[in-house]
Amino acid sequence: MTATYYSDPSTPSFMSRPVSFIFPDDGSIPNSPLPFLLYKGAIHLDGDPEKSIEDLFAANGWGQMWRNGIYDYLHYHATVHEALAIARGRALVRFGGNHGEEFELRKGDVAILPAGTGHQCLSASSDLVVIGAYPPGAPMQITRPTPENYRLAIRVIPQVAVPETDPVYGQDGPLVGLWKKNRR
């Protein structure tokens, strides 16, 4: 699996340059032709980190939110894209399914998962707090890898709209350009 780094000379210096991966469909986890994005240290958190992340996501149109951790079983969301921001603690998370990549996420990191991206928490600190968010659209559904779910997901995922905004950087964020370019 090869990572690519978003590189655009017009990107403002305050933006965290995302690492992007396209995880292949493995016949059980559909993943997505859109790139998974990982912003390391994208959000500088002081005071109330949960509220800071929620305010940022809401300001950028990703208003369906929750606070919790990341499930310790392999799953994906076929109906909606997801942003995961680490407010406190750290977690080792595998993205892309059983044959995907493992990343250590820390406070201030944001992972953006296109619909269909498998994910599973492998370990976490006891103080882990994650803020999850979704762009406008269909409600989130937790999908486990079964043959029936896979057959349905590969029909549903291409219909999930590309968001108009990046959950961290808004209308001019890397997600917008990268996902629209890859959706063609």
C-alpha atoms as a PDB file:
ATOM      1  CA  MET A   1       0.000   0.000   0.000  1.00  0.00           C
ATOM      2  CA  THR A   2       1.421   3.348  -0.991  1.00  0.00           C
ATOM      3  CA  ALA A   3       0.652   6.539   0.837  1.00  0.00           C
ATOM      4  CA  THR A   4       0.489   9.778  -1.034  1.00  0.00           C
ATOM      5  CA  TYR A   5       0.869  13.197   0.496  1.00  0.00           C
ATOM      6  CA  TYR A   6      -1.439  15.976  -0.561  1.00  0.00           C
ATOM      7  CA  SER A   7       0.758  18.620  -2.081  1.00  0.00           C
ATOM      8  CA  ASP A   8      -0.660  21.848  -3.391  1.00  0.00           C
ATOM      9  CA  PRO A   9       1.538  24.952  -3.352  1.00  0.00           C
ATOM     10  CA  SER A  10      -1.530  27.137  -2.858  1.00  0.00           C
ATOM     11  CA  THR A  11      -2.445  25.351   0.393  1.00  0.00           C
ATOM     12  CA  PRO A  12      -2.201  27.795   3.313  1.00  0.00           C
ATOM     13  CA  SER A  13       0.622  27.030   5.724  1.00  0.00           C
ATOM     14  CA  PHE A  14      -1.777  26.581   8.653  1.00  0.00           C
ATOM     15  CA  MET A  15      -3.255  23.428   7.060  1.00  0.00           C
ATOM     16  CA  SER A  16      -1.951  20.039   8.095  1.00  0.00           C
ATOM     17  CA  ARG A  17      -0.901  18.173   4.962  1.00  0.00           C
ATOM     18  CA  PRO A  18      -2.907  14.929   4.923  1.00  0.00           C
ATOM     19  CA  VAL A  19      -1.544  11.499   4.235  1.00  0.00           C
ATOM     20  CA  SER A  20      -3.935   9.742   1.878  1.00  0.00           C
ATOM     21  CA  PHE A  21      -4.486   6.051   1.185  1.00  0.00           C
ATOM     22  CA  ILE A  22      -6.777   4.221  -1.157  1.00  0.00           C
ATOM     23  CA  PHE A  23      -7.474   0.854   0.399  1.00  0.00           C
ATOM     24  CA  PRO A  24      -8.434  -1.919  -2.023  1.00  0.00           C
ATOM     25  CA  ASP A  25     -11.715  -3.799  -1.866  1.00  0.00           C
ATOM     26  CA  ASP A  26     -10.810  -7.131  -0.291  1.00  0.00           C
ATOM     27  CA  GLY A  27     -14.080  -8.921  -1.049  1.00  0.00           C
ATOM     28  CA  SER A  28     -15.278  -8.493   2.529  1.00  0.00           C
ATOM     29  CA  ILE A  29     -14.594  -4.814   3.255  1.00  0.00           C
ATOM     30  CA  PRO A  30     -15.503  -2.691   0.218  1.00  0.00           C
ATOM     31  CA  ASN A  31     -13.409   0.353   1.179  1.00  0.00           C
ATOM     32  CA  SER A  32     -13.671   3.185  -1.349  1.00  0.00           C
ATOM     33  CA  PRO A  33     -12.126   4.611  -4.507  1.00  0.00           C
ATOM     34  CA  LEU A  34     -11.975   7.910  -2.572  1.00  0.00           C
ATOM     35  CA  PRO A  35      -8.831   8.369  -0.479  1.00  0.00           C
ATOM     36  CA  PHE A  36      -8.796   7.895   3.281  1.00  0.00           C
ATOM     37  CA  LEU A  37      -7.232  11.057   4.746  1.00  0.00           C
ATOM     38  CA  LEU A  38      -5.196  11.382   7.913  1.00  0.00           C
ATOM     39  CA  TYR A  39      -4.381  14.834   9.294  1.00  0.00           C
ATOM     40  CA  LYS A  40      -1.700  14.409  11.973  1.00  0.00           C
ATOM     41  CA  GLY A  41      -1.769  17.169  14.595  1.00  0.00           C
ATOM     42  CA  ALA A  42      -4.356  19.131  12.620  1.00  0.00           C
ATOM     43  CA  ILE A  43      -6.207  20.567  15.596  1.00  0.00           C
ATOM     44  CA  HIS A  44      -4.387  22.372  18.413  1.00  0.00           C
ATOM     45  CA  LEU A  45      -6.462  21.697  21.500  1.00  0.00           C
ATOM     46  CA  ASP A  46      -6.532  23.669  24.734  1.00  0.00           C
ATOM     47  CA  GLY A  47      -9.240  24.121  27.349  1.00  0.00           C
ATOM     48  CA  ASP A  48     -12.193  21.905  26.417  1.00  0.00           C
ATOM     49  CA  PRO A  49     -10.906  19.768  23.502  1.00  0.00           C
ATOM     50  CA  GLU A  50     -14.222  17.994  22.940  1.00  0.00           C
ATOM     51  CA  LYS A  51     -16.121  21.254  22.538  1.00  0.00           C
ATOM     52  CA  SER A  52     -13.366  22.717  20.354  1.00  0.00           C
ATOM     53  CA  ILE A  53     -13.608  19.786  17.937  1.00  0.00           C
ATOM     54  CA  GLU A  54     -17.413  19.810  17.956  1.00  0.00           C
ATOM     55  CA  ASP A  55     -17.467  23.546  17.245  1.00  0.00           C
ATOM     56  CA  LEU A  56     -14.989  23.116  14.379  1.00  0.00           C
ATOM     57  CA  PHE A  57     -16.897  20.212  12.811  1.00  0.00           C
ATOM     58  CA  ALA A  58     -20.230  22.045  13.158  1.00  0.00           C
ATOM     59  CA  ALA A  59     -18.805  25.231  11.623  1.00  0.00           C
ATOM     60  CA  ASN A  60     -17.711  23.162   8.621  1.00  0.00           C
ATOM     61  CA  GLY A  61     -21.079  21.471   8.116  1.00  0.00           C
ATOM     62  CA  TRP A  62     -20.324  18.100   9.722  1.00  0.00           C
ATOM     63  CA  GLY A  63     -23.039  18.412  12.365  1.00  0.00           C
ATOM     64  CA  GLN A  64     -24.108  14.840  13.121  1.00  0.00           C
ATOM     65  CA  MET A  65     -21.723  14.048  16.015  1.00  0.00           C
ATOM     66  CA  TRP A  66     -20.982  11.704  18.883  1.00  0.00           C
ATOM     67  CA  ARG A  67     -18.415  11.345  21.698  1.00  0.00           C
ATOM     68  CA  ASN A  68     -16.989   7.940  22.557  1.00  0.00           C
ATOM     69  CA  GLY A  69     -14.157   5.659  21.468  1.00  0.00           C
ATOM     70  CA  ILE A  70     -13.718   3.511  18.358  1.00  0.00           C
ATOM     71  CA  TYR A  71     -15.267   0.047  18.288  1.00  0.00           C
ATOM     72  CA  ASP A  72     -12.863  -2.842  18.818  1.00  0.00           C
ATOM     73  CA  TYR A  73     -14.450  -4.929  16.070  1.00  0.00           C
ATOM     74  CA  LEU A  74     -14.062  -4.529  12.324  1.00  0.00           C
ATOM     75  CA  HIS A  75     -16.860  -2.493  10.778  1.00  0.00           C
ATOM     76  CA  TYR A  76     -17.604   0.176   8.178  1.00  0.00           C
ATOM     77  CA  HIS A  77     -20.306   2.662   7.235  1.00  0.00           C
ATOM     78  CA  ALA A  78     -21.739   2.176   3.739  1.00  0.00           C
ATOM     79  CA  THR A  79     -24.206   5.082   3.832  1.00  0.00           C
ATOM     80  CA  VAL A  80     -22.048   7.983   5.005  1.00  0.00           C
ATOM     81  CA  HIS A  81     -18.504   9.354   5.257  1.00  0.00           C
ATOM     82  CA  GLU A  82     -17.031   9.752   8.759  1.00  0.00           C
ATOM     83  CA  ALA A  83     -14.531  12.033  10.496  1.00  0.00           C
ATOM     84  CA  LEU A  84     -12.816  10.841  13.677  1.00  0.00           C
ATOM     85  CA  ALA A  85     -10.936  13.398  15.811  1.00  0.00           C
ATOM     86  CA  ILE A  86      -8.935  12.470  18.873  1.00  0.00           C
ATOM     87  CA  ALA A  87      -9.791  14.847  21.721  1.00  0.00           C
ATOM     88  CA  ARG A  88      -7.899  12.997  24.459  1.00  0.00           C
ATOM     89  CA  GLY A  89      -5.584  10.016  24.705  1.00  0.00           C
ATOM     90  CA  ARG A  90      -4.364   7.783  21.911  1.00  0.00           C
ATOM     91  CA  ALA A  91      -5.477   4.728  19.954  1.00  0.00           C
ATOM     92  CA  LEU A  92      -3.970   2.203  17.577  1.00  0.00           C
ATOM     93  CA  VAL A  93      -6.514   1.824  14.773  1.00  0.00           C
ATOM     94  CA  ARG A  94      -6.455  -0.376  11.687  1.00  0.00           C
ATOM     95  CA  PHE A  95      -8.061   1.262   8.656  1.00  0.00           C
ATOM     96  CA  GLY A  96      -8.876  -0.557   5.420  1.00  0.00           C
ATOM     97  CA  GLY A  97      -9.893  -3.915   6.908  1.00  0.00           C
ATOM     98  CA  ASN A  98      -7.806  -6.898   7.973  1.00  0.00           C
ATOM     99  CA  HIS A  99      -5.253  -6.188   5.232  1.00  0.00           C
ATOM    100  CA  GLY A 100      -5.210  -2.419   5.805  1.00  0.00           C
ATOM    101  CA  GLU A 101      -2.805  -0.138   7.645  1.00  0.00           C
ATOM    102  CA  GLU A 102      -2.385   0.508  11.372  1.00  0.00           C
ATOM    103  CA  PHE A 103      -2.020   4.075  12.626  1.00  0.00           C
ATOM    104  CA  GLU A 104      -1.456   5.482  16.080  1.00  0.00           C
ATOM    105  CA  LEU A 105      -3.845   8.387  16.516  1.00  0.00           C
ATOM    106  CA  ARG A 106      -3.145  11.024  19.160  1.00  0.00           C
ATOM    107  CA  LYS A 107      -4.768  14.171  20.504  1.00  0.00           C
ATOM    108  CA  GLY A 108      -5.354  16.592  17.633  1.00  0.00           C
ATOM    109  CA  ASP A 109      -5.279  13.966  14.863  1.00  0.00           C
ATOM    110  CA  VAL A 110      -8.216  13.643  12.464  1.00  0.00           C
ATOM    111  CA  ALA A 111      -8.967  10.647  10.242  1.00  0.00           C
ATOM    112  CA  ILE A 112     -11.512  11.068   7.458  1.00  0.00           C
ATOM    113  CA  LEU A 113     -13.028   7.848   6.194  1.00  0.00           C
ATOM    114  CA  PRO A 114     -14.902   7.698   2.912  1.00  0.00           C
ATOM    115  CA  ALA A 115     -17.983   5.468   3.010  1.00  0.00           C
ATOM    116  CA  GLY A 116     -17.021   1.795   3.065  1.00  0.00           C
ATOM    117  CA  THR A 117     -13.653   2.194   4.822  1.00  0.00           C
ATOM    118  CA  GLY A 118     -13.111  -0.614   7.297  1.00  0.00           C
ATOM    119  CA  HIS A 119     -11.863   0.364  10.729  1.00  0.00           C
ATOM    120  CA  GLN A 120     -11.181  -1.232  14.093  1.00  0.00           C
ATOM    121  CA  CYS A 121      -9.559  -0.055  17.318  1.00  0.00           C
ATOM    122  CA  LEU A 122      -6.751  -2.454  18.258  1.00  0.00           C
ATOM    123  CA  SER A 123      -5.768  -0.729  21.506  1.00  0.00           C
ATOM    124  CA  ALA A 124      -6.395   2.556  23.282  1.00  0.00           C
ATOM    125  CA  SER A 125      -5.348   4.537  26.312  1.00  0.00           C
ATOM    126  CA  SER A 126      -7.829   4.612  29.184  1.00  0.00           C
ATOM    127  CA  ASP A 127      -8.451   8.337  28.648  1.00  0.00           C
ATOM    128  CA  LEU A 128      -9.351   8.063  24.937  1.00  0.00           C
ATOM    129  CA  VAL A 129     -12.116  10.401  23.783  1.00  0.00           C
ATOM    130  CA  VAL A 130     -13.033  10.501  20.105  1.00  0.00           C
ATOM    131  CA  ILE A 131     -15.396  12.932  18.429  1.00  0.00           C
ATOM    132  CA  GLY A 132     -17.038  11.402  15.381  1.00  0.00           C
ATOM    133  CA  ALA A 133     -18.942  13.416  12.804  1.00  0.00           C
ATOM    134  CA  TYR A 134     -20.792  12.999   9.523  1.00  0.00           C
ATOM    135  CA  PRO A 135     -21.674  15.405   6.735  1.00  0.00           C
ATOM    136  CA  PRO A 136     -25.323  16.010   5.834  1.00  0.00           C
ATOM    137  CA  GLY A 137     -26.990  13.006   4.281  1.00  0.00           C
ATOM    138  CA  ALA A 138     -28.103   9.546   5.232  1.00  0.00           C
ATOM    139  CA  PRO A 139     -27.829   8.439   8.851  1.00  0.00           C
ATOM    140  CA  MET A 140     -24.834   6.395   9.944  1.00  0.00           C
ATOM    141  CA  GLN A 141     -25.287   2.633  10.052  1.00  0.00           C
ATOM    142  CA  ILE A 142     -22.735   0.243  11.516  1.00  0.00           C
ATOM    143  CA  THR A 143     -22.022  -2.524   9.047  1.00  0.00           C
ATOM    144  CA  ARG A 144     -20.090  -5.676   9.833  1.00  0.00           C
ATOM    145  CA  PRO A 145     -18.312  -7.646   7.122  1.00  0.00           C
ATOM    146  CA  THR A 146     -20.665 -10.366   5.909  1.00  0.00           C
ATOM    147  CA  PRO A 147     -21.256 -11.503   2.319  1.00  0.00           C
ATOM    148  CA  GLU A 148     -24.794 -10.071   2.335  1.00  0.00           C
ATOM    149  CA  ASN A 149     -23.668  -6.702   3.755  1.00  0.00           C
ATOM    150  CA  TYR A 150     -20.848  -6.546   1.208  1.00  0.00           C
ATOM    151  CA  ARG A 151     -23.213  -7.117  -1.751  1.00  0.00           C
ATOM    152  CA  LEU A 152     -25.477  -4.314  -0.527  1.00  0.00           C
ATOM    153  CA  ALA A 153     -22.596  -1.944   0.310  1.00  0.00           C
ATOM    154  CA  ILE A 154     -20.992  -2.076  -3.141  1.00  0.00           C
ATOM    155  CA  ARG A 155     -24.286  -0.816  -4.584  1.00  0.00           C
ATOM    156  CA  VAL A 156     -24.842   1.887  -1.916  1.00  0.00           C
ATOM    157  CA  ILE A 157     -21.338   3.375  -1.520  1.00  0.00           C
ATOM    158  CA  PRO A 158     -21.102   4.947  -5.027  1.00  0.00           C
ATOM    159  CA  GLN A 159     -24.344   6.836  -4.285  1.00  0.00           C
ATOM    160  CA  VAL A 160     -22.958   8.585  -1.177  1.00  0.00           C
ATOM    161  CA  ALA A 161     -22.445  12.253  -2.079  1.00  0.00           C
ATOM    162  CA  VAL A 162     -19.043  13.874  -1.802  1.00  0.00           C
ATOM    163  CA  PRO A 163     -19.230  16.466   1.007  1.00  0.00           C
ATOM    164  CA  GLU A 164     -19.128  20.143   0.113  1.00  0.00           C
ATOM    165  CA  THR A 165     -16.685  20.848   2.940  1.00  0.00           C
ATOM    166  CA  ASP A 166     -13.683  19.389   4.700  1.00  0.00           C
ATOM    167  CA  PRO A 167     -14.567  18.835   8.405  1.00  0.00           C
ATOM    168  CA  VAL A 168     -11.363  20.568   9.546  1.00  0.00           C
ATOM    169  CA  TYR A 169     -10.632  23.190   6.864  1.00  0.00           C
ATOM    170  CA  GLY A 170     -14.036  23.954   5.338  1.00  0.00           C
ATOM    171  CA  GLN A 171     -14.765  24.664   1.678  1.00  0.00           C
ATOM    172  CA  ASP A 172     -11.119  25.044   0.683  1.00  0.00           C
ATOM    173  CA  GLY A 173      -9.814  21.992   2.540  1.00  0.00           C
ATOM    174  CA  PRO A 174      -7.877  19.174   0.913  1.00  0.00           C
ATOM    175  CA  LEU A 175     -10.793  16.716   1.139  1.00  0.00           C
ATOM    176  CA  VAL A 176     -12.923  18.723  -1.286  1.00  0.00           C
ATOM    177  CA  GLY A 177     -10.399  18.723  -4.120  1.00  0.00           C
ATOM    178  CA  LEU A 178      -9.056  15.226  -3.563  1.00  0.00           C
ATOM    179  CA  TRP A 179     -12.438  13.544  -3.331  1.00  0.00           C
ATOM    180  CA  LYS A 180     -13.981  15.393  -6.287  1.00  0.00           C
ATOM    181  CA  LYS A 181     -10.917  14.546  -8.392  1.00  0.00           C
ATOM    182  CA  ASN A 182     -11.149  10.855  -7.428  1.00  0.00           C
ATOM    183  CA  ARG A 183     -14.926  10.641  -7.924  1.00  0.00           C
ATOM    184  CA  ARG A 184     -14.752  11.430 -11.649  1.00  0.00           C
END
